[in-house]
All heavy atoms as atom14 arrays in JSON, in Angstrom:
{
  "sequence": "TTTLKGIPKAAFFFAPTHIQNKYKEWGPEKTNLM",
  "atom14_mask": [
    [1, 1, 1, 1, 1, 1, 1, 0, 0, 0, 0, 0, 0, 0],
    [1, 1, 1, 1, 1, 1, 1, 0, 0, 0, 0, 0, 0, 0],
    [1, 1, 1, 1, 1, 1, 1, 0, 0, 0, 0, 0, 0, 0],
    [1, 1, 1, 1, 1, 1, 1, 1, 0, 0, 0, 0, 0, 0],
    [1, 1, 1, 1, 1, 1, 1, 1, 1, 0, 0, 0, 0, 0],
    [1, 1, 1, 1, 0, 0, 0, 0, 0, 0, 0, 0, 0, 0],
    [1, 1, 1, 1, 1, 1, 1, 1, 0, 0, 0, 0, 0, 0],
    [1, 1, 1, 1, 1, 1, 1, 0, 0, 0, 0, 0, 0, 0],
    [1, 1, 1, 1, 1, 1, 1, 1, 1, 0, 0, 0, 0, 0],
    [1, 1, 1, 1, 1, 0, 0, 0, 0, 0, 0, 0, 0, 0],
    [1, 1, 1, 1, 1, 0, 0, 0, 0, 0, 0, 0, 0, 0],
    [1, 1, 1, 1, 1, 1, 1, 1, 1, 1, 1, 0, 0, 0],
    [1, 1, 1, 1, 1, 1, 1, 1, 1, 1, 1, 0, 0, 0],
    [1, 1, 1, 1, 1, 1, 1, 1, 1, 1, 1, 0, 0, 0],
    [1, 1, 1, 1, 1, 0, 0, 0, 0, 0, 0, 0, 0, 0],
    [1, 1, 1, 1, 1, 1, 1, 0, 0, 0, 0, 0, 0, 0],
    [1, 1, 1, 1, 1, 1, 1, 0, 0, 0, 0, 0, 0, 0],
    [1, 1, 1, 1, 1, 1, 1, 1, 1, 1, 0, 0, 0, 0],
    [1, 1, 1, 1, 1, 1, 1, 1, 0, 0, 0, 0, 0, 0],
    [1, 1, 1, 1, 1, 1, 1, 1, 1, 0, 0, 0, 0, 0],
    [1, 1, 1, 1, 1, 1, 1, 1, 0, 0, 0, 0, 0, 0],
    [1, 1, 1, 1, 1, 1, 1, 1, 1, 0, 0, 0, 0, 0],
    [1, 1, 1, 1, 1, 1, 1, 1, 1, 1, 1, 1, 0, 0],
    [1, 1, 1, 1, 1, 1, 1, 1, 1, 0, 0, 0, 0, 0],
    [1, 1, 1, 1, 1, 1, 1, 1, 1, 0, 0, 0, 0, 0],
    [1, 1, 1, 1, 1, 1, 1, 1, 1, 1, 1, 1, 1, 1],
    [1, 1, 1, 1, 0, 0, 0, 0, 0, 0, 0, 0, 0, 0],
    [1, 1, 1, 1, 1, 1, 1, 0, 0, 0, 0, 0, 0, 0],
    [1, 1, 1, 1, 1, 1, 1, 1, 1, 0, 0, 0, 0, 0],
    [1, 1, 1, 1, 1, 1, 1, 1, 1, 0, 0, 0, 0, 0],
    [1, 1, 1, 1, 1, 1, 1, 0, 0, 0, 0, 0, 0, 0],
    [1, 1, 1, 1, 1, 1, 1, 1, 0, 0, 0, 0, 0, 0],
    [1, 1, 1, 1, 1, 1, 1, 1, 0, 0, 0, 0, 0, 0],
    [1, 1, 1, 1, 1, 1, 1, 1, 0, 0, 0, 0, 0, 0]
  ],
  "atom14_positions": [
    [[-23.84, 86.95, 95.49], [-23.31, 88.1, 96.25], [-22.35, 87.66, 97.35], [-21.7, 88.49, 97.96], [-24.46, 88.89, 96.9], [-25.25, 88.0, 97.7], [-25.35, 89.5, 95.8], [0.0, 0.0, 0.0], [0.0, 0.0, 0.0], [0.0, 0.0, 0.0], [0.0, 0.0, 0.0], [0.0, 0.0, 0.0], [0.0, 0.0, 0.0], [0.0, 0.0, 0.0]],
    [[-22.27, 86.37, 97.58], [-21.32, 85.89, 98.6], [-20.04, 85.45, 97.92], [-19.99, 85.26, 96.71], [-21.9, 84.7, 99.4], [-22.34, 83.68, 98.5], [-23.1, 85.17, 100.22], [0.0, 0.0, 0.0], [0.0, 0.0, 0.0], [0.0, 0.0, 0.0], [0.0, 0.0, 0.0], [0.0, 0.0, 0.0], [0.0, 0.0, 0.0], [0.0, 0.0, 0.0]],
    [[-19.01, 85.28, 98.71], [-17.69, 84.99, 98.15], [-17.26, 83.57, 98.38], [-17.74, 82.9, 99.33], [-16.62, 85.92, 98.77], [-15.34, 85.57, 98.28], [-16.62, 85.82, 100.31], [0.0, 0.0, 0.0], [0.0, 0.0, 0.0], [0.0, 0.0, 0.0], [0.0, 0.0, 0.0], [0.0, 0.0, 0.0], [0.0, 0.0, 0.0], [0.0, 0.0, 0.0]],
    [[-16.4, 83.04, 97.5], [-15.85, 81.71, 97.68], [-14.84, 81.65, 98.8], [-14.53, 80.58, 99.33], [-15.2, 81.25, 96.37], [-16.15, 81.02, 95.19], [-15.35, 80.79, 93.92], [-17.1, 79.87, 95.43], [0.0, 0.0, 0.0], [0.0, 0.0, 0.0], [0.0, 0.0, 0.0], [0.0, 0.0, 0.0], [0.0, 0.0, 0.0], [0.0, 0.0, 0.0]],
    [[-14.33, 82.83, 99.17], [-13.33, 82.84, 100.23], [-13.96, 82.38, 101.55], [-15.07, 82.71, 101.9], [-12.77, 84.27, 100.4], [-11.94, 84.73, 99.21], [-11.4, 86.11, 99.44], [-10.54, 86.56, 98.24], [-10.01, 87.95, 98.43], [0.0, 0.0, 0.0], [0.0, 0.0, 0.0], [0.0, 0.0, 0.0], [0.0, 0.0, 0.0], [0.0, 0.0, 0.0]],
    [[-13.18, 81.61, 102.29], [-13.64, 81.19, 103.6], [-14.44, 79.91, 103.59], [-14.82, 79.4, 104.68], [0.0, 0.0, 0.0], [0.0, 0.0, 0.0], [0.0, 0.0, 0.0], [0.0, 0.0, 0.0], [0.0, 0.0, 0.0], [0.0, 0.0, 0.0], [0.0, 0.0, 0.0], [0.0, 0.0, 0.0], [0.0, 0.0, 0.0], [0.0, 0.0, 0.0]],
    [[-14.71, 79.33, 102.41], [-15.41, 78.03, 102.38], [-14.41, 76.95, 102.8], [-13.37, 76.79, 102.17], [-15.97, 77.71, 100.99], [-16.96, 78.81, 100.56], [-16.65, 76.37, 100.98], [-17.46, 78.63, 99.14], [0.0, 0.0, 0.0], [0.0, 0.0, 0.0], [0.0, 0.0, 0.0], [0.0, 0.0, 0.0], [0.0, 0.0, 0.0], [0.0, 0.0, 0.0]],
    [[-14.72, 76.19, 103.82], [-13.76, 75.17, 104.32], [-13.44, 74.12, 103.26], [-14.31, 73.68, 102.52], [-14.5, 74.55, 105.5], [-15.53, 75.56, 105.91], [-15.94, 76.23, 104.63], [0.0, 0.0, 0.0], [0.0, 0.0, 0.0], [0.0, 0.0, 0.0], [0.0, 0.0, 0.0], [0.0, 0.0, 0.0], [0.0, 0.0, 0.0], [0.0, 0.0, 0.0]],
    [[-12.19, 73.77, 103.2], [-11.7, 72.63, 102.39], [-12.06, 72.75, 100.91], [-12.24, 71.76, 100.22], [-12.2, 71.31, 102.96], [-11.74, 71.08, 104.41], [-12.32, 69.84, 105.02], [-11.86, 69.71, 106.48], [-12.45, 68.54, 107.15], [0.0, 0.0, 0.0], [0.0, 0.0, 0.0], [0.0, 0.0, 0.0], [0.0, 0.0, 0.0], [0.0, 0.0, 0.0]],
    [[-12.14, 74.01, 100.42], [-12.47, 74.24, 99.01], [-11.22, 74.61, 98.22], [-10.35, 75.32, 98.71], [-13.51, 75.34, 98.91], [0.0, 0.0, 0.0], [0.0, 0.0, 0.0], [0.0, 0.0, 0.0], [0.0, 0.0, 0.0], [0.0, 0.0, 0.0], [0.0, 0.0, 0.0], [0.0, 0.0, 0.0], [0.0, 0.0, 0.0], [0.0, 0.0, 0.0]],
    [[-11.15, 74.11, 97.01], [-10.03, 74.44, 96.12], [-10.52, 74.49, 94.69], [-11.36, 73.66, 94.27], [-8.92, 73.41, 96.24], [0.0, 0.0, 0.0], [0.0, 0.0, 0.0], [0.0, 0.0, 0.0], [0.0, 0.0, 0.0], [0.0, 0.0, 0.0], [0.0, 0.0, 0.0], [0.0, 0.0, 0.0], [0.0, 0.0, 0.0], [0.0, 0.0, 0.0]],
    [[-10.05, 75.47, 93.94], [-10.44, 75.63, 92.55], [-9.79, 74.54, 91.69], [-8.62, 74.24, 91.85], [-10.05, 77.0, 92.04], [-10.52, 77.32, 90.64], [-11.86, 77.41, 90.36], [-9.61, 77.5, 89.63], [-12.31, 77.68, 89.06], [-10.03, 77.78, 88.31], [-11.39, 77.86, 88.06], [0.0, 0.0, 0.0], [0.0, 0.0, 0.0], [0.0, 0.0, 0.0]],
    [[-10.58, 73.97, 90.77], [-10.09, 72.92, 89.87], [-9.96, 73.51, 88.47], [-10.98, 73.9, 87.86], [-11.06, 71.74, 89.86], [-10.59, 70.56, 89.04], [-9.89, 69.54, 89.63], [-10.86, 70.5, 87.69], [-9.47, 68.44, 88.89], [-10.44, 69.44, 86.91], [-9.74, 68.4, 87.53], [0.0, 0.0, 0.0], [0.0, 0.0, 0.0], [0.0, 0.0, 0.0]],
    [[-8.73, 73.63, 87.96], [-8.47, 74.2, 86.65], [-8.06, 73.07, 85.72], [-6.95, 72.54, 85.77], [-7.4, 75.26, 86.73], [-7.2, 76.05, 85.46], [-8.26, 76.64, 84.81], [-5.92, 76.22, 84.94], [-8.08, 77.38, 83.64], [-5.72, 76.96, 83.77], [-6.8, 77.54, 83.12], [0.0, 0.0, 0.0], [0.0, 0.0, 0.0], [0.0, 0.0, 0.0]],
    [[-8.99, 72.69, 84.82], [-8.79, 71.52, 83.97], [-7.52, 71.56, 83.11], [-6.83, 70.53, 82.98], [-10.01, 71.31, 83.08], [0.0, 0.0, 0.0], [0.0, 0.0, 0.0], [0.0, 0.0, 0.0], [0.0, 0.0, 0.0], [0.0, 0.0, 0.0], [0.0, 0.0, 0.0], [0.0, 0.0, 0.0], [0.0, 0.0, 0.0], [0.0, 0.0, 0.0]],
    [[-7.17, 72.7, 82.47], [-5.94, 72.71, 81.65], [-4.68, 72.29, 82.4], [-3.82, 71.63, 81.84], [-5.86, 74.18, 81.18], [-7.27, 74.63, 81.13], [-7.93, 73.96, 82.32], [0.0, 0.0, 0.0], [0.0, 0.0, 0.0], [0.0, 0.0, 0.0], [0.0, 0.0, 0.0], [0.0, 0.0, 0.0], [0.0, 0.0, 0.0], [0.0, 0.0, 0.0]],
    [[-4.58, 72.65, 83.67], [-3.42, 72.23, 84.47], [-3.43, 70.72, 84.67], [-2.39, 70.05, 84.54], [-3.43, 72.93, 85.83], [-3.36, 74.34, 85.65], [-2.24, 72.49, 86.69], [0.0, 0.0, 0.0], [0.0, 0.0, 0.0], [0.0, 0.0, 0.0], [0.0, 0.0, 0.0], [0.0, 0.0, 0.0], [0.0, 0.0, 0.0], [0.0, 0.0, 0.0]],
    [[-4.61, 70.18, 84.93], [-4.71, 68.72, 85.19], [-4.48, 67.92, 83.93], [-3.89, 66.83, 84.01], [-6.06, 68.41, 85.81], [-6.16, 68.82, 87.27], [-5.84, 67.96, 88.3], [-6.52, 69.98, 87.83], [-6.03, 68.59, 89.45], [-6.43, 69.82, 89.21], [0.0, 0.0, 0.0], [0.0, 0.0, 0.0], [0.0, 0.0, 0.0], [0.0, 0.0, 0.0]],
    [[-4.91, 68.41, 82.75], [-4.66, 67.63, 81.54], [-3.17, 67.63, 81.21], [-2.62, 66.62, 80.77], [-5.47, 68.17, 80.35], [-5.45, 67.19, 79.18], [-4.98, 69.53, 79.84], [-6.33, 66.02, 79.28], [0.0, 0.0, 0.0], [0.0, 0.0, 0.0], [0.0, 0.0, 0.0], [0.0, 0.0, 0.0], [0.0, 0.0, 0.0], [0.0, 0.0, 0.0]],
    [[-2.48, 68.72, 81.48], [-1.03, 68.76, 81.27], [-0.33, 67.78, 82.2], [0.64, 67.1, 81.82], [-0.48, 70.18, 81.46], [-0.92, 71.16, 80.37], [-0.53, 70.7, 78.98], [0.59, 70.19, 78.75], [-1.41, 70.91, 78.01], [0.0, 0.0, 0.0], [0.0, 0.0, 0.0], [0.0, 0.0, 0.0], [0.0, 0.0, 0.0], [0.0, 0.0, 0.0]],
    [[-0.79, 67.7, 83.43], [-0.24, 66.73, 84.41], [-0.45, 65.32, 83.92], [0.43, 64.46, 84.06], [-0.86, 66.93, 85.79], [-0.45, 68.23, 86.43], [0.57, 68.82, 86.05], [-1.18, 68.67, 87.41], [0.0, 0.0, 0.0], [0.0, 0.0, 0.0], [0.0, 0.0, 0.0], [0.0, 0.0, 0.0], [0.0, 0.0, 0.0], [0.0, 0.0, 0.0]],
    [[-1.63, 65.06, 83.34], [-1.9, 63.71, 82.84], [-1.03, 63.38, 81.63], [-0.57, 62.25, 81.45], [-3.39, 63.58, 82.47], [-4.28, 63.36, 83.69], [-4.12, 61.92, 84.18], [-4.6, 61.74, 85.59], [-3.61, 62.02, 86.62], [0.0, 0.0, 0.0], [0.0, 0.0, 0.0], [0.0, 0.0, 0.0], [0.0, 0.0, 0.0], [0.0, 0.0, 0.0]],
    [[-0.79, 64.36, 80.78], [0.08, 64.14, 79.62], [1.49, 63.77, 80.1], [2.15, 62.91, 79.5], [0.16, 65.41, 78.77], [-1.04, 65.66, 77.88], [-1.29, 66.91, 77.35], [-1.91, 64.62, 77.56], [-2.38, 67.12, 76.52], [-3.01, 64.83, 76.74], [-3.25, 66.09, 76.23], [-4.33, 66.32, 75.43], [0.0, 0.0, 0.0], [0.0, 0.0, 0.0]],
    [[1.94, 64.39, 81.18], [3.25, 64.08, 81.72], [3.28, 62.7, 82.38], [4.24, 61.96, 82.27], [3.67, 65.14, 82.73], [3.97, 66.51, 82.13], [4.28, 67.53, 83.2], [4.49, 68.91, 82.58], [4.69, 69.96, 83.64], [0.0, 0.0, 0.0], [0.0, 0.0, 0.0], [0.0, 0.0, 0.0], [0.0, 0.0, 0.0], [0.0, 0.0, 0.0]],
    [[2.19, 62.36, 83.08], [2.14, 61.12, 83.83], [1.85, 59.89, 82.92], [2.53, 58.87, 83.0], [1.04, 61.2, 84.9], [0.88, 59.93, 85.72], [-0.3, 60.02, 86.67], [-0.9, 61.12, 86.82], [-0.63, 58.98, 87.29], [0.0, 0.0, 0.0], [0.0, 0.0, 0.0], [0.0, 0.0, 0.0], [0.0, 0.0, 0.0], [0.0, 0.0, 0.0]],
    [[0.83, 60.02, 82.09], [0.41, 58.91, 81.25], [0.93, 58.98, 79.81], [0.96, 57.98, 79.09], [-1.13, 58.84, 81.15], [-1.84, 58.55, 82.44], [-1.3, 58.01, 83.57], [-3.23, 58.74, 82.71], [-2.29, 57.86, 84.53], [-3.46, 58.31, 84.02], [-4.31, 59.25, 81.99], [-4.72, 58.36, 84.63], [-5.55, 59.3, 82.56], [-5.77, 58.87, 83.86]],
    [[1.31, 60.18, 79.39], [1.65, 60.41, 77.98], [0.41, 60.85, 77.23], [-0.7, 60.4, 77.55], [0.0, 0.0, 0.0], [0.0, 0.0, 0.0], [0.0, 0.0, 0.0], [0.0, 0.0, 0.0], [0.0, 0.0, 0.0], [0.0, 0.0, 0.0], [0.0, 0.0, 0.0], [0.0, 0.0, 0.0], [0.0, 0.0, 0.0], [0.0, 0.0, 0.0]],
    [[0.56, 61.69, 76.21], [-0.6, 62.21, 75.46], [-1.43, 61.12, 74.81], [-2.64, 61.17, 74.77], [0.03, 63.14, 74.43], [1.33, 63.55, 75.03], [1.82, 62.36, 75.8], [0.0, 0.0, 0.0], [0.0, 0.0, 0.0], [0.0, 0.0, 0.0], [0.0, 0.0, 0.0], [0.0, 0.0, 0.0], [0.0, 0.0, 0.0], [0.0, 0.0, 0.0]],
    [[-0.76, 60.1, 74.25], [-1.48, 59.06, 73.52], [-2.39, 58.29, 74.43], [-3.58, 58.08, 74.13], [-0.48, 58.11, 72.84], [-1.16, 57.09, 71.94], [-0.16, 56.26, 71.14], [1.03, 56.6, 71.11], [-0.61, 55.24, 70.55], [0.0, 0.0, 0.0], [0.0, 0.0, 0.0], [0.0, 0.0, 0.0], [0.0, 0.0, 0.0], [0.0, 0.0, 0.0]],
    [[-1.9, 57.84, 75.6], [-2.74, 57.08, 76.53], [-3.85, 57.95, 77.1], [-5.0, 57.51, 77.2], [-1.88, 56.53, 77.66], [-2.69, 55.76, 78.7], [-1.85, 55.24, 79.86], [-2.72, 54.56, 80.91], [-1.9, 54.05, 82.05], [0.0, 0.0, 0.0], [0.0, 0.0, 0.0], [0.0, 0.0, 0.0], [0.0, 0.0, 0.0], [0.0, 0.0, 0.0]],
    [[-3.5, 59.21, 77.45], [-4.51, 60.12, 78.01], [-5.64, 60.33, 77.02], [-6.84, 60.21, 77.39], [-3.85, 61.48, 78.36], [-2.79, 61.28, 79.29], [-4.89, 62.42, 78.96], [0.0, 0.0, 0.0], [0.0, 0.0, 0.0], [0.0, 0.0, 0.0], [0.0, 0.0, 0.0], [0.0, 0.0, 0.0], [0.0, 0.0, 0.0], [0.0, 0.0, 0.0]],
    [[-5.3, 60.63, 75.78], [-6.34, 60.9, 74.79], [-7.16, 59.66, 74.47], [-8.39, 59.74, 74.24], [-5.72, 61.48, 73.52], [-5.2, 62.89, 73.73], [-5.74, 63.64, 74.54], [-4.15, 63.26, 72.99], [0.0, 0.0, 0.0], [0.0, 0.0, 0.0], [0.0, 0.0, 0.0], [0.0, 0.0, 0.0], [0.0, 0.0, 0.0], [0.0, 0.0, 0.0]],
    [[-6.52, 58.52, 74.42], [-7.23, 57.27, 74.19], [-8.23, 57.0, 75.29], [-9.43, 56.67, 75.0], [-6.24, 56.09, 74.07], [-6.9, 54.71, 73.87], [-7.68, 54.66, 72.57], [-5.82, 53.63, 73.88], [0.0, 0.0, 0.0], [0.0, 0.0, 0.0], [0.0, 0.0, 0.0], [0.0, 0.0, 0.0], [0.0, 0.0, 0.0], [0.0, 0.0, 0.0]],
    [[-7.81, 57.12, 76.55], [-8.74, 56.89, 77.66], [-9.89, 57.91, 77.67], [-11.05, 57.56, 77.86], [-7.97, 56.95, 78.99], [-7.03, 55.8, 79.24], [-6.11, 55.95, 80.77], [-7.44, 55.9, 82.01], [0.0, 0.0, 0.0], [0.0, 0.0, 0.0], [0.0, 0.0, 0.0], [0.0, 0.0, 0.0], [0.0, 0.0, 0.0], [0.0, 0.0, 0.0]]
  ]
}
């Protein structure tokens, strides 16, 4: 019943965005291998 708003230093982590970032940084082959 309480909200996530107002929690100090909190940020939502959305995995699809981060995997796309890793594909750009490491490349899909290295990312998937690791």
